[in-house]
C-alpha atoms as a PDB file:
ATOM      1  CA  MET A   1     -33.037 -49.000  54.014  1.00  0.00           C
ATOM      2  CA  ILE A   2     -31.564 -51.244  56.711  1.00  0.00           C
ATOM      3  CA  ALA A   3     -29.422 -49.589  59.371  1.00  0.00           C
ATOM      4  CA  THR A   4     -25.672 -50.049  59.388  1.00  0.00           C
ATOM      5  CA  GLU A   5     -24.628 -53.194  61.235  1.00  0.00           C
ATOM      6  CA  PRO A   6     -23.482 -52.571  64.807  1.00  0.00           C
ATOM      7  CA  PRO A   7     -19.822 -53.046  65.749  1.00  0.00           C
ATOM      8  CA  GLY A   8     -18.988 -56.655  66.516  1.00  0.00           C
ATOM      9  CA  LEU A   9     -21.778 -58.269  64.477  1.00  0.00           C
ATOM     10  CA  GLU A  10     -19.401 -59.575  61.840  1.00  0.00           C
ATOM     11  CA  GLN A  11     -17.227 -61.209  64.513  1.00  0.00           C
ATOM     12  CA  LEU A  12     -20.262 -62.723  66.253  1.00  0.00           C
ATOM     13  CA  LEU A  13     -21.557 -64.273  63.045  1.00  0.00           C
ATOM     14  CA  ALA A  14     -18.117 -65.427  61.861  1.00  0.00           C
ATOM     15  CA  GLU A  15     -18.306 -68.161  64.510  1.00  0.00           C
ATOM     16  CA  HIS A  16     -21.269 -69.759  62.690  1.00  0.00           C
ATOM     17  CA  CYS A  17     -21.837 -71.441  59.345  1.00  0.00           C
ATOM     18  CA  ALA A  18     -22.834 -69.253  56.419  1.00  0.00           C
ATOM     19  CA  ASP A  19     -26.487 -70.373  56.500  1.00  0.00           C
ATOM     20  CA  ILE A  20     -26.934 -69.554  60.194  1.00  0.00           C
ATOM     21  CA  ALA A  21     -25.141 -66.211  59.751  1.00  0.00           C
ATOM     22  CA  ALA A  22     -27.423 -65.359  56.815  1.00  0.00           C
ATOM     23  CA  LEU A  23     -30.540 -66.307  58.822  1.00  0.00           C
ATOM     24  CA  ALA A  24     -29.383 -64.177  61.770  1.00  0.00           C
ATOM     25  CA  ARG A  25     -28.737 -61.220  59.452  1.00  0.00           C
ATOM     26  CA  HIS A  26     -32.152 -61.664  57.855  1.00  0.00           C
ATOM     27  CA  LEU A  27     -33.902 -61.732  61.245  1.00  0.00           C
ATOM     28  CA  ARG A  28     -31.955 -58.614  62.228  1.00  0.00           C
ATOM     29  CA  ASP A  29     -33.176 -56.900  59.051  1.00  0.00           C
ATOM     30  CA  VAL A  30     -36.783 -57.877  59.830  1.00  0.00           C
ATOM     31  CA  ILE A  31     -36.476 -56.438  63.355  1.00  0.00           C
ATOM     32  CA  VAL A  32     -34.740 -53.211  62.291  1.00  0.00           C
ATOM     33  CA  GLU A  33     -37.247 -52.624  59.490  1.00  0.00           C
ATOM     34  CA  ALA A  34     -40.248 -53.300  61.736  1.00  0.00           C
ATOM     35  CA  ARG A  35     -38.948 -51.287  64.704  1.00  0.00           C
ATOM     36  CA  PRO A  36     -36.463 -48.616  63.554  1.00  0.00           C
ATOM     37  CA  GLU A  37     -36.572 -46.970  66.993  1.00  0.00           C
ATOM     38  CA  LEU A  38     -34.651 -49.897  68.488  1.00  0.00           C
ATOM     39  CA  THR A  39     -30.909 -49.591  69.008  1.00  0.00           C
ATOM     40  CA  GLU A  40     -28.555 -52.549  68.707  1.00  0.00           C
ATOM     41  CA  ARG A  41     -25.593 -53.816  70.662  1.00  0.00           C
ATOM     42  CA  VAL A  42     -23.512 -56.954  70.275  1.00  0.00           C
ATOM     43  CA  TYR A  43     -22.908 -58.788  73.537  1.00  0.00           C
ATOM     44  CA  SER A  44     -19.854 -60.989  73.174  1.00  0.00           C
ATOM     45  CA  GLY A  45     -20.378 -62.627  76.571  1.00  0.00           C
ATOM     46  CA  TRP A  46     -23.813 -64.063  75.687  1.00  0.00           C
ATOM     47  CA  PRO A  47     -23.096 -64.129  72.589  1.00  0.00           C
ATOM     48  CA  GLY A  48     -25.941 -62.254  70.940  1.00  0.00           C
ATOM     49  CA  LEU A  49     -27.245 -59.083  69.342  1.00  0.00           C
ATOM     50  CA  GLY A  50     -29.432 -57.124  71.747  1.00  0.00           C
ATOM     51  CA  PHE A  51     -32.192 -54.667  70.870  1.00  0.00           C
ATOM     52  CA  HIS A  52     -33.114 -51.758  73.132  1.00  0.00           C
ATOM     53  CA  HIS A  53     -36.262 -49.650  73.073  1.00  0.00           C
ATOM     54  CA  PRO A  54     -36.006 -45.956  74.086  1.00  0.00           C
ATOM     55  CA  ASP A  55     -38.635 -46.382  76.834  1.00  0.00           C
ATOM     56  CA  ARG A  56     -38.734 -50.120  77.588  1.00  0.00           C
ATOM     57  CA  GLY A  57     -34.985 -50.730  77.612  1.00  0.00           C
ATOM     58  CA  TYR A  58     -33.628 -54.123  76.578  1.00  0.00           C
ATOM     59  CA  VAL A  59     -36.453 -56.045  74.901  1.00  0.00           C
ATOM     60  CA  ALA A  60     -34.975 -58.784  72.723  1.00  0.00           C
ATOM     61  CA  ALA A  61     -31.850 -60.388  71.310  1.00  0.00           C
ATOM     62  CA  ILE A  62     -30.807 -62.620  68.447  1.00  0.00           C
ATOM     63  CA  PHE A  63     -28.780 -65.677  69.449  1.00  0.00           C
ATOM     64  CA  PRO A  64     -27.233 -67.656  66.563  1.00  0.00           C
ATOM     65  CA  GLY A  65     -26.842 -71.355  67.357  1.00  0.00           C
ATOM     66  CA  THR A  66     -25.512 -74.471  65.721  1.00  0.00           C
ATOM     67  CA  ASP A  67     -28.584 -75.290  63.648  1.00  0.00           C
ATOM     68  CA  SER A  68     -31.041 -72.492  64.444  1.00  0.00           C
ATOM     69  CA  VAL A  69     -31.290 -68.851  65.462  1.00  0.00           C
ATOM     70  CA  SER A  70     -33.245 -67.893  68.557  1.00  0.00           C
ATOM     71  CA  VAL A  71     -34.841 -64.546  69.255  1.00  0.00           C
ATOM     72  CA  GLY A  72     -35.151 -64.134  72.995  1.00  0.00           C
ATOM     73  CA  PHE A  73     -37.601 -61.741  74.617  1.00  0.00           C
ATOM     74  CA  GLU A  74     -36.460 -60.300  77.957  1.00  0.00           C
ATOM     75  CA  HIS A  75     -39.958 -60.343  79.458  1.00  0.00           C
ATOM     76  CA  GLY A  76     -41.290 -63.187  77.353  1.00  0.00           C
ATOM     77  CA  ALA A  77     -42.742 -65.038  80.340  1.00  0.00           C
ATOM     78  CA  ASP A  78     -45.095 -62.086  80.872  1.00  0.00           C
ATOM     79  CA  MET A  79     -45.997 -61.636  77.198  1.00  0.00           C
ATOM     80  CA  PRO A  80     -49.123 -63.025  75.551  1.00  0.00           C
ATOM     81  CA  ASP A  81     -48.348 -66.008  73.298  1.00  0.00           C
ATOM     82  CA  PRO A  82     -51.196 -65.864  70.755  1.00  0.00           C
ATOM     83  CA  HIS A  83     -49.737 -68.609  68.536  1.00  0.00           C
ATOM     84  CA  GLY A  84     -48.180 -70.829  71.216  1.00  0.00           C
ATOM     85  CA  LEU A  85     -44.708 -70.336  69.717  1.00  0.00           C
ATOM     86  CA  LEU A  86     -42.705 -69.032  72.667  1.00  0.00           C
ATOM     87  CA  GLN A  87     -40.346 -71.610  74.147  1.00  0.00           C
ATOM     88  CA  GLY A  88     -38.590 -71.695  77.485  1.00  0.00           C
ATOM     89  CA  THR A  89     -39.386 -72.301  81.123  1.00  0.00           C
ATOM     90  CA  GLY A  90     -37.368 -69.647  82.937  1.00  0.00           C
ATOM     91  CA  LYS A  91     -38.826 -66.891  85.076  1.00  0.00           C
ATOM     92  CA  ARG A  92     -38.350 -64.149  82.437  1.00  0.00           C
ATOM     93  CA  LEU A  93     -37.043 -65.155  79.031  1.00  0.00           C
ATOM     94  CA  ARG A  94     -38.939 -66.832  76.219  1.00  0.00           C
ATOM     95  CA  TYR A  95     -37.671 -67.576  72.737  1.00  0.00           C
ATOM     96  CA  LEU A  96     -38.792 -67.953  69.155  1.00  0.00           C
ATOM     97  CA  HIS A  97     -36.583 -70.537  67.424  1.00  0.00           C
ATOM     98  CA  PHE A  98     -35.986 -70.091  63.685  1.00  0.00           C
ATOM     99  CA  THR A  99     -34.625 -72.974  61.632  1.00  0.00           C
ATOM    100  CA  LEU A 100     -33.108 -73.112  58.183  1.00  0.00           C
ATOM    101  CA  ASP A 101     -36.119 -74.994  56.781  1.00  0.00           C
ATOM    102  CA  GLY A 102     -38.311 -71.910  57.288  1.00  0.00           C
ATOM    103  CA  SER A 103     -40.966 -73.655  59.378  1.00  0.00           C
ATOM    104  CA  ALA A 104     -42.887 -71.739  62.030  1.00  0.00           C
ATOM    105  CA  PRO A 105     -42.358 -69.211  63.412  1.00  0.00           C
ATOM    106  CA  THR A 106     -42.530 -66.917  60.416  1.00  0.00           C
ATOM    107  CA  HIS A 107     -41.154 -63.423  60.014  1.00  0.00           C
ATOM    108  CA  GLU A 108     -44.678 -62.126  60.512  1.00  0.00           C
ATOM    109  CA  HIS A 109     -44.752 -63.896  63.873  1.00  0.00           C
ATOM    110  CA  LEU A 110     -41.455 -62.238  64.785  1.00  0.00           C
ATOM    111  CA  VAL A 111     -42.859 -58.773  64.092  1.00  0.00           C
ATOM    112  CA  GLU A 112     -46.058 -59.555  66.021  1.00  0.00           C
ATOM    113  CA  TYR A 113     -44.142 -60.798  69.084  1.00  0.00           C
ATOM    114  CA  LEU A 114     -41.722 -57.888  68.868  1.00  0.00           C
ATOM    115  CA  ASP A 115     -44.689 -55.496  68.926  1.00  0.00           C
ATOM    116  CA  LEU A 116     -45.992 -57.295  72.028  1.00  0.00           C
ATOM    117  CA  ALA A 117     -42.584 -56.902  73.671  1.00  0.00           C
ATOM    118  CA  VAL A 118     -42.421 -53.141  73.211  1.00  0.00           C
ATOM    119  CA  THR A 119     -46.009 -52.243  74.112  1.00  0.00           C
END
């Protein structure tokens, strides 16, 4: 069973086309199912849906875009990248970019990278 959507998620996704909103919801479901200990919070200023671990704090967020959905990892620059999928050049954040065509990364990759972020 997938957790109840956090307040503000509907408003965040309403700004995007139906396909992007559905992809963002699906990625949220994958994350919540894989890591039920995470809590969620919508950040309207980013705009994104953040995930917090009880011990590690903020670990990741979903950012819907125009033609893709990114999952950003707060300490992605310090994480292993076993499949070479993390994108970004900043000092901390790295992203997995999910497109509507379903090409890499896969949902399995998302769970693997999420596990790396919380360990």
